N, C-alpha and C. Protein backbone atom coordinates (compact mmCIF):
# COMPACT_ATOMS: atom_id res chain seq x y z
N MET A 1 0.44 -1.20 0.09
CA MET A 1 0.01 0.13 0.28
C MET A 1 1.03 1.30 0.09
N LEU A 2 2.13 1.42 0.83
CA LEU A 2 2.89 2.70 0.88
C LEU A 2 3.57 2.97 -0.51
N ARG A 3 3.78 1.26 -1.00
CA ARG A 3 4.13 1.62 -2.78
C ARG A 3 3.34 2.44 -3.73
N GLU A 4 2.45 2.02 -3.27
CA GLU A 4 1.27 2.71 -3.97
C GLU A 4 0.61 3.92 -3.89
N SER A 5 0.90 4.57 -2.73
CA SER A 5 1.01 5.48 -2.34
C SER A 5 2.10 6.80 -2.95
N TRP A 6 3.38 6.10 -2.27
CA TRP A 6 4.54 6.72 -3.16
C TRP A 6 4.33 6.89 -4.90
N HIS A 7 3.93 6.01 -5.34
CA HIS A 7 3.57 6.57 -6.63
C HIS A 7 2.79 7.27 -7.29
N GLN A 8 1.45 7.15 -6.58
CA GLN A 8 0.08 7.81 -6.61
C GLN A 8 1.28 9.76 -6.37
N PHE A 9 1.58 9.53 -5.73
CA PHE A 9 1.96 10.91 -5.39
C PHE A 9 3.09 11.45 -6.24
N VAL A 10 4.07 10.60 -6.76
CA VAL A 10 4.95 11.10 -7.49
C VAL A 10 4.02 11.57 -9.34
N ARG A 11 2.81 10.63 -9.44
CA ARG A 11 1.99 10.58 -10.77
C ARG A 11 1.98 11.78 -10.86
N GLU A 12 1.01 12.38 -9.01
CA GLU A 12 -0.04 13.70 -8.88
C GLU A 12 0.92 14.50 -8.94
N LYS A 13 2.34 14.88 -8.57
CA LYS A 13 3.31 15.72 -8.15
C LYS A 13 3.92 15.81 -9.79
N GLU A 14 3.87 15.48 -10.90
CA GLU A 14 4.10 15.25 -12.05
C GLU A 14 3.35 15.85 -12.92
N THR A 15 1.87 15.67 -12.49
CA THR A 15 1.11 15.95 -13.33
C THR A 15 0.34 17.91 -12.95
N ARG A 16 0.25 17.75 -11.06
CA ARG A 16 0.83 19.46 -11.04
C ARG A 16 1.69 19.87 -11.95
N ARG A 17 2.79 19.99 -11.77
CA ARG A 17 4.44 20.52 -12.24
C ARG A 17 3.67 20.83 -14.25
N ALA A 18 3.13 20.31 -14.60
CA ALA A 18 2.62 19.77 -15.98
C ALA A 18 1.90 21.34 -16.19
N SER A 19 0.97 21.40 -15.17
CA SER A 19 -0.23 22.31 -15.57
C SER A 19 0.30 23.63 -14.70
N ARG A 20 1.49 23.46 -14.13
CA ARG A 20 1.65 25.14 -13.59
C ARG A 20 2.95 25.45 -14.81
N GLU A 21 3.27 24.81 -15.94
CA GLU A 21 4.25 25.42 -16.90
C GLU A 21 3.40 25.73 -17.71
N ARG A 22 1.95 25.73 -18.07
CA ARG A 22 0.94 25.99 -19.30
C ARG A 22 0.69 27.70 -18.90
N MET A 23 0.95 28.54 -19.64
CA MET A 23 1.17 30.03 -19.46
C MET A 23 -0.75 29.89 -19.54
N PRO A 24 -0.85 31.14 -18.15
CA PRO A 24 -2.33 31.39 -17.89
C PRO A 24 -2.79 32.38 -19.16
N ASN A 25 -4.17 32.38 -19.67
CA ASN A 25 -4.42 33.96 -20.35
C ASN A 25 -4.32 34.71 -19.30
N GLU A 26 -4.95 35.86 -19.96
CA GLU A 26 -4.90 37.12 -19.20
C GLU A 26 -6.06 37.44 -18.19
N GLY A 27 -7.37 36.52 -18.50
CA GLY A 27 -8.00 36.39 -17.37
C GLY A 27 -7.31 35.68 -16.00
N ASP A 28 -6.96 34.90 -16.47
CA ASP A 28 -6.33 33.68 -15.30
C ASP A 28 -5.01 34.79 -14.14
N ARG A 29 -4.79 35.64 -15.12
CA ARG A 29 -3.46 36.00 -14.31
C ARG A 29 -3.54 36.80 -12.89
N SER A 30 -5.29 37.92 -13.11
CA SER A 30 -5.23 38.21 -11.74
C SER A 30 -5.87 37.33 -10.60
N LYS A 31 -6.53 36.32 -11.19
CA LYS A 31 -7.37 35.63 -10.04
C LYS A 31 -6.02 34.72 -9.63
N GLN A 32 -5.20 34.94 -10.44
CA GLN A 32 -4.04 33.81 -10.08
C GLN A 32 -2.95 34.50 -9.01
N LEU A 33 -3.23 35.78 -9.42
CA LEU A 33 -1.86 36.24 -8.21
C LEU A 33 -2.65 37.25 -6.95
N ASN A 34 -4.39 36.80 -7.18
CA ASN A 34 -4.98 36.62 -5.88
C ASN A 34 -5.13 35.83 -5.11
N THR A 35 -4.93 34.61 -5.97
CA THR A 35 -4.66 33.34 -5.25
C THR A 35 -3.36 32.88 -4.94
N SER A 36 -2.14 33.45 -5.25
CA SER A 36 -0.87 33.15 -4.75
C SER A 36 -0.58 34.37 -3.45
N TRP A 37 -1.63 35.27 -3.78
CA TRP A 37 -1.77 36.12 -2.49
C TRP A 37 -2.16 35.57 -0.99
N MET A 38 -2.93 34.83 -0.98
CA MET A 38 -3.87 33.95 -0.22
C MET A 38 -3.01 33.14 0.12
N ALA A 39 -2.24 32.62 -0.26
CA ALA A 39 -1.45 31.33 -0.26
C ALA A 39 -0.17 31.90 0.27
N ALA A 40 0.36 32.41 -0.06
CA ALA A 40 1.55 33.35 0.87
C ALA A 40 0.98 33.69 2.48
N VAL A 41 -0.24 34.55 2.37
CA VAL A 41 -0.80 34.52 4.04
C VAL A 41 -1.03 33.06 4.98
N TRP A 42 -1.47 31.71 4.22
CA TRP A 42 -1.60 30.89 4.68
C TRP A 42 -0.31 30.19 5.24
N VAL A 43 0.91 30.55 4.15
CA VAL A 43 2.19 29.85 4.36
C VAL A 43 2.34 30.66 5.38
N ALA A 44 2.90 32.17 5.42
CA ALA A 44 3.31 32.81 6.67
C ALA A 44 2.51 32.36 8.56
N MET A 45 1.36 32.03 8.28
CA MET A 45 0.56 32.07 9.43
C MET A 45 0.70 30.62 9.90
N GLY A 46 1.26 29.78 9.00
CA GLY A 46 1.15 28.45 9.13
C GLY A 46 2.84 28.31 9.68
N GLY A 47 3.83 28.96 9.28
CA GLY A 47 4.67 29.55 9.37
C GLY A 47 5.45 29.53 10.99
N ALA A 48 4.38 30.85 10.54
CA ALA A 48 4.51 31.08 12.12
C ALA A 48 4.47 30.33 13.42
N CYS A 49 3.44 29.06 12.97
CA CYS A 49 2.96 28.51 14.21
C CYS A 49 3.61 27.72 14.53
N GLY A 50 4.25 26.97 13.41
CA GLY A 50 5.32 26.05 13.46
C GLY A 50 6.47 26.47 13.88
N SER A 51 7.13 27.72 13.76
CA SER A 51 8.34 27.79 14.53
C SER A 51 8.09 28.19 16.16
N VAL A 52 6.72 29.07 16.34
CA VAL A 52 6.42 28.84 17.66
C VAL A 52 6.70 27.23 18.77
N VAL A 53 6.19 26.58 17.97
CA VAL A 53 6.22 25.44 18.27
C VAL A 53 7.33 24.89 18.46
N ARG A 54 8.25 25.09 17.40
CA ARG A 54 9.66 24.84 17.59
C ARG A 54 10.54 25.19 18.48
N TYR A 55 10.46 26.64 18.64
CA TYR A 55 10.76 27.27 19.62
C TYR A 55 10.53 26.81 21.20
N GLY A 56 9.35 26.50 21.08
CA GLY A 56 8.70 25.67 22.72
C GLY A 56 9.15 24.52 22.59
N VAL A 57 9.38 23.67 21.49
CA VAL A 57 10.03 22.02 21.74
C VAL A 57 11.06 22.45 22.52
N GLY A 58 12.23 23.21 21.89
CA GLY A 58 13.71 23.69 21.81
C GLY A 58 13.67 24.03 23.57
N ARG A 59 12.96 24.73 24.21
CA ARG A 59 13.34 25.57 25.18
C ARG A 59 12.37 24.40 26.26
N LEU A 60 11.31 23.68 26.13
CA LEU A 60 11.14 22.25 26.93
C LEU A 60 12.03 21.56 27.19
N CYS A 61 12.46 21.32 25.98
CA CYS A 61 13.57 20.22 26.12
C CYS A 61 15.04 20.62 26.97
N SER A 62 15.34 22.04 26.82
CA SER A 62 16.44 22.50 28.10
C SER A 62 15.87 22.80 29.08
N TRP A 63 14.51 22.50 29.68
CA TRP A 63 14.38 23.08 30.56
C TRP A 63 14.33 21.58 31.27
N CYS A 64 13.70 20.25 30.95
CA CYS A 64 13.43 19.16 30.99
C CYS A 64 14.70 18.32 31.48
N LEU A 65 15.82 18.84 30.33
CA LEU A 65 16.70 17.98 30.06
C LEU A 65 17.74 19.04 30.25
N PRO A 66 18.61 19.80 30.95
CA PRO A 66 19.38 21.33 31.24
C PRO A 66 20.51 20.58 30.68
N ASN A 67 21.16 19.07 30.89
CA ASN A 67 22.38 18.55 30.18
C ASN A 67 22.54 18.26 29.26
N ALA A 68 20.99 18.06 28.13
CA ALA A 68 21.15 17.91 26.82
C ALA A 68 21.74 18.63 26.13
N SER A 69 21.98 18.39 24.92
CA SER A 69 22.02 19.21 23.96
C SER A 69 20.92 19.60 23.12
N SER A 70 21.49 20.75 22.09
CA SER A 70 20.47 21.03 21.05
C SER A 70 19.84 20.58 20.02
N VAL A 71 20.82 19.14 19.97
CA VAL A 71 20.47 18.09 19.29
C VAL A 71 19.24 17.48 19.45
N LEU A 72 19.07 17.41 21.03
CA LEU A 72 17.72 16.59 21.37
C LEU A 72 16.65 17.17 20.42
N GLY A 73 16.23 18.81 21.00
CA GLY A 73 15.04 19.58 20.21
C GLY A 73 15.20 19.69 18.84
N THR A 74 16.03 19.61 18.03
CA THR A 74 16.79 19.19 17.13
C THR A 74 15.64 18.38 15.91
N GLY A 75 16.42 17.16 16.52
CA GLY A 75 16.03 16.15 16.03
C GLY A 75 14.16 15.63 15.96
N LEU A 76 13.93 16.21 17.59
CA LEU A 76 12.70 15.76 17.73
C LEU A 76 11.35 16.88 17.20
N VAL A 77 11.83 18.11 16.45
CA VAL A 77 10.71 18.87 15.50
C VAL A 77 11.31 18.16 14.51
N ASN A 78 12.23 17.90 13.76
CA ASN A 78 12.81 17.19 12.58
C ASN A 78 11.69 16.13 12.33
N LEU A 79 11.90 15.24 12.84
CA LEU A 79 11.18 14.12 13.07
C LEU A 79 9.60 13.82 12.87
N ALA A 80 9.05 15.30 14.40
CA ALA A 80 8.01 15.37 14.06
C ALA A 80 7.13 16.01 13.00
N GLY A 81 8.03 16.66 12.43
CA GLY A 81 7.58 17.66 11.09
C GLY A 81 7.90 16.70 9.84
N SER A 82 8.66 15.64 9.55
CA SER A 82 8.77 14.82 8.82
C SER A 82 7.16 14.30 8.42
N PHE A 83 7.25 13.50 9.73
CA PHE A 83 5.93 12.69 9.86
C PHE A 83 4.73 13.51 9.56
N LEU A 84 4.53 14.86 9.95
CA LEU A 84 3.27 15.19 9.56
C LEU A 84 3.42 15.38 8.23
N LEU A 85 4.44 15.74 7.69
CA LEU A 85 4.38 16.07 6.22
C LEU A 85 3.95 14.91 5.48
N GLY A 86 4.34 13.53 5.49
CA GLY A 86 3.99 12.70 5.26
C GLY A 86 2.70 12.29 5.26
N MET A 87 2.21 12.78 6.67
CA MET A 87 0.41 13.05 6.60
C MET A 87 -0.43 13.67 5.77
N VAL A 88 0.64 14.86 5.73
CA VAL A 88 -0.54 16.57 4.93
C VAL A 88 -0.40 15.53 3.13
N VAL A 89 0.88 14.78 2.82
CA VAL A 89 0.54 14.99 1.50
C VAL A 89 0.08 13.47 1.16
N ALA A 90 -0.29 12.52 1.69
CA ALA A 90 -1.62 11.39 1.65
C ALA A 90 -2.36 12.03 2.14
N SER A 91 -2.97 12.86 2.98
CA SER A 91 -4.31 13.66 2.98
C SER A 91 -5.00 14.26 2.31
N PHE A 92 -4.35 15.15 1.47
CA PHE A 92 -4.70 16.06 0.39
C PHE A 92 -4.50 15.68 -0.78
N PRO A 93 -5.69 15.71 -1.48
CA PRO A 93 -5.60 15.65 -2.95
C PRO A 93 -4.91 16.05 -4.08
N ALA A 94 -3.67 15.41 -4.78
CA ALA A 94 -3.04 16.66 -5.61
C ALA A 94 -4.08 17.27 -6.43
N ASN A 95 -2.85 18.36 -6.69
CA ASN A 95 -4.02 19.52 -7.15
C ASN A 95 -3.19 20.68 -7.63
N PRO A 96 -3.34 21.06 -8.85
CA PRO A 96 -2.42 22.29 -9.50
C PRO A 96 -2.52 23.35 -8.24
N LYS A 97 -4.02 23.68 -8.12
CA LYS A 97 -3.79 24.67 -6.76
C LYS A 97 -4.02 24.14 -5.68
N PRO A 98 -2.90 24.31 -4.90
CA PRO A 98 -3.32 23.67 -3.57
C PRO A 98 -4.18 24.17 -2.64
N SER A 99 -4.57 23.28 -2.09
CA SER A 99 -5.35 23.49 -0.55
C SER A 99 -4.85 24.50 -0.03
N VAL A 100 -6.13 25.06 1.10
CA VAL A 100 -4.96 25.99 2.07
C VAL A 100 -4.86 25.12 3.19
N GLY A 101 -5.37 23.65 3.28
CA GLY A 101 -4.46 23.07 4.33
C GLY A 101 -3.46 22.32 3.81
N VAL A 102 -2.83 22.18 2.58
CA VAL A 102 -1.63 21.90 2.05
C VAL A 102 -0.28 23.30 2.56
N MET A 103 -1.19 24.49 2.12
CA MET A 103 -0.74 25.46 2.32
C MET A 103 -0.46 26.21 3.40
N PHE A 104 -1.29 25.70 4.21
CA PHE A 104 -1.13 26.05 6.27
C PHE A 104 0.30 24.99 6.47
N LEU A 105 -0.55 23.42 6.65
CA LEU A 105 0.09 22.40 7.11
C LEU A 105 1.49 22.14 6.46
N GLY A 106 1.32 22.04 5.57
CA GLY A 106 2.66 21.75 4.47
C GLY A 106 3.92 22.37 4.23
N VAL A 107 3.37 23.27 3.83
CA VAL A 107 4.31 24.25 3.68
C VAL A 107 4.61 25.23 4.42
N GLY A 108 3.46 26.21 5.11
CA GLY A 108 4.17 27.08 6.49
C GLY A 108 4.38 26.50 7.74
N PHE A 109 3.01 25.23 8.19
CA PHE A 109 3.81 24.50 9.68
C PHE A 109 5.00 24.26 9.56
N CYS A 110 4.84 22.66 8.57
CA CYS A 110 6.13 21.79 8.75
C CYS A 110 7.31 22.64 8.47
N GLY A 111 7.31 23.56 7.39
CA GLY A 111 8.53 24.57 6.78
C GLY A 111 9.18 25.06 8.34
N GLY A 112 8.21 25.80 9.14
CA GLY A 112 8.27 26.37 9.97
C GLY A 112 8.92 25.54 11.37
N LEU A 113 8.54 24.52 11.49
CA LEU A 113 8.69 23.72 12.57
C LEU A 113 10.06 22.63 12.25
N THR A 114 10.21 22.19 11.35
CA THR A 114 11.31 21.66 11.22
C THR A 114 12.52 22.81 10.50
N THR A 115 13.90 22.60 11.00
CA THR A 115 14.69 23.10 11.00
C THR A 115 16.17 22.52 10.16
N PHE A 116 16.33 22.98 8.87
CA PHE A 116 17.65 22.24 7.91
C PHE A 116 18.77 22.66 8.24
N SER A 117 18.54 24.23 8.86
CA SER A 117 19.78 24.94 8.88
C SER A 117 20.53 24.86 10.55
N THR A 118 19.64 24.37 11.08
CA THR A 118 19.93 24.36 12.47
C THR A 118 20.44 22.73 12.30
N LEU A 119 20.30 21.92 11.98
CA LEU A 119 20.85 20.85 11.45
C LEU A 119 22.36 20.93 11.41
N ALA A 120 22.50 21.77 10.17
CA ALA A 120 23.66 22.41 9.15
C ALA A 120 24.55 22.49 10.00
N MET A 121 23.89 23.80 11.16
CA MET A 121 24.74 24.50 11.67
C MET A 121 25.76 23.20 12.89
N GLU A 122 24.40 21.94 13.56
CA GLU A 122 24.87 21.37 14.87
C GLU A 122 26.12 20.43 14.11
N LEU A 123 25.91 20.10 12.75
CA LEU A 123 26.61 19.26 12.28
C LEU A 123 28.03 20.07 12.07
N ALA A 124 27.96 21.60 11.63
CA ALA A 124 29.63 21.69 11.68
C ALA A 124 29.70 21.80 12.91
N ASP A 125 29.68 22.40 13.63
CA ASP A 125 30.06 21.77 15.45
C ASP A 125 30.73 20.80 15.94
N LEU A 126 29.66 19.74 15.35
CA LEU A 126 30.58 18.59 15.58
C LEU A 126 31.93 18.31 14.68
N MET A 127 31.82 18.87 13.79
CA MET A 127 32.66 18.86 12.93
C MET A 127 34.08 19.55 13.06
N HIS A 128 33.63 20.92 14.15
CA HIS A 128 35.01 21.98 14.57
C HIS A 128 35.47 21.35 16.17
N GLN A 129 34.35 19.98 16.50
CA GLN A 129 34.97 19.47 17.43
C GLN A 129 36.02 18.33 17.26
N ARG A 130 35.85 17.71 15.86
CA ARG A 130 36.41 17.20 15.91
C ARG A 130 35.86 15.18 16.16
N ARG A 131 34.32 15.65 16.63
CA ARG A 131 33.64 14.44 16.54
C ARG A 131 33.47 13.28 15.83
N PHE A 132 33.75 12.94 14.96
CA PHE A 132 33.28 12.59 13.23
C PHE A 132 32.52 11.25 13.47
N LEU A 133 32.22 10.67 14.49
CA LEU A 133 31.57 9.36 15.17
C LEU A 133 30.25 10.61 15.06
N GLY A 134 29.84 11.10 15.69
CA GLY A 134 29.15 11.79 16.15
C GLY A 134 28.65 12.31 14.91
N LEU A 135 29.02 13.14 14.14
CA LEU A 135 28.97 13.94 12.88
C LEU A 135 27.95 13.12 11.83
N ILE A 136 28.80 11.96 11.75
CA ILE A 136 28.35 11.02 10.68
C ILE A 136 27.13 9.95 11.34
N GLY A 137 26.81 9.88 12.50
CA GLY A 137 26.00 9.00 13.26
C GLY A 137 24.58 10.09 13.24
N TYR A 138 25.22 11.46 13.88
CA TYR A 138 23.72 12.14 13.54
C TYR A 138 23.31 12.49 12.17
N GLY A 139 24.31 12.78 11.07
CA GLY A 139 23.43 13.27 10.24
C GLY A 139 22.98 12.37 9.06
N ALA A 140 23.87 11.17 9.84
CA ALA A 140 23.17 9.31 8.63
C ALA A 140 21.31 9.63 9.21
N GLY A 141 21.46 9.42 10.87
CA GLY A 141 20.60 9.00 11.67
C GLY A 141 19.32 10.41 11.49
N SER A 142 19.70 11.62 11.08
CA SER A 142 18.92 12.53 11.24
C SER A 142 17.99 12.18 9.53
N LEU A 143 19.13 12.51 8.53
CA LEU A 143 18.06 11.64 7.51
C LEU A 143 17.07 10.56 7.08
N SER A 144 17.75 9.42 7.66
CA SER A 144 17.49 8.40 7.59
C SER A 144 16.14 8.23 8.19
N LEU A 145 16.44 8.70 9.56
CA LEU A 145 14.93 8.63 10.33
C LEU A 145 14.07 9.71 9.85
N GLY A 146 14.66 10.95 9.44
CA GLY A 146 13.38 12.11 8.50
C GLY A 146 12.92 11.14 7.57
N LEU A 147 13.30 10.34 7.02
CA LEU A 147 12.82 10.03 5.41
C LEU A 147 11.85 8.81 5.95
N LEU A 148 12.01 8.09 7.16
CA LEU A 148 11.27 7.20 7.40
C LEU A 148 10.37 7.75 8.43
N ALA A 149 9.97 8.75 9.03
CA ALA A 149 9.25 9.47 9.30
C ALA A 149 8.18 9.45 8.48
N PHE A 150 8.67 10.28 7.45
CA PHE A 150 7.79 10.57 5.96
C PHE A 150 7.41 9.67 5.50
N LEU A 151 7.86 8.64 5.76
CA LEU A 151 7.18 7.60 4.64
C LEU A 151 5.83 6.51 5.98
N ALA A 152 6.24 6.95 7.02
CA ALA A 152 5.53 6.50 7.85
C ALA A 152 4.00 7.64 8.32
N GLY A 153 4.30 8.65 8.14
CA GLY A 153 2.84 9.43 8.07
C GLY A 153 2.40 9.02 6.82
N LEU A 154 2.47 9.05 6.05
CA LEU A 154 2.35 8.78 4.23
C LEU A 154 1.43 7.49 4.60
N TRP A 155 2.37 6.45 5.03
CA TRP A 155 1.39 4.97 5.03
C TRP A 155 0.37 5.19 6.08
N ILE A 156 0.20 5.77 7.41
CA ILE A 156 -0.62 5.97 8.18
C ILE A 156 -1.76 6.70 7.68
N ALA A 157 -1.21 7.64 6.77
CA ALA A 157 -2.47 8.76 6.62
C ALA A 157 -3.16 7.70 5.11
N SER A 158 -2.75 7.18 4.59
CA SER A 158 -3.06 6.65 3.43
C SER A 158 -4.19 5.37 4.14
N LYS A 159 -3.92 4.95 5.36
CA LYS A 159 -4.71 3.65 5.41
C LYS A 159 -5.94 4.36 6.56
N SER A 160 -6.20 5.51 6.11
CA SER A 160 -7.26 6.03 7.27
C SER A 160 -8.11 6.60 6.16
């Protein structure tokens, strides 16, 4: 079932890309601008919410486990965001005009929640400290667990 969902996701993504490549006529341009503006508002609101949650998780982790590094908070939000994004992708039908749910949850909230830049900084810190095993483990673990979390979200949402 997961394989079928993934293939359906890829086919729908290709369909969306092909429909975006067509040039809109003059009447569609004003509608497209209005739609783009509203999509940006939904993305911004979702991103703000996701960023606040990310900040809260980081603060909670440092409060509950004062001796733990920031790696714990970053790892948690990245895994949760990957899982949620998998659920969003499976739950909303592919459409050339993405829905409010996709814009708010998928692009905005998950984008604000997850943080590749902090992951990169933490990996650079491990490299600077010459902790190469930690660097490889954290980097490979983040990538592979993030992918597994996305696929688990995709699978669970496709079952319901």
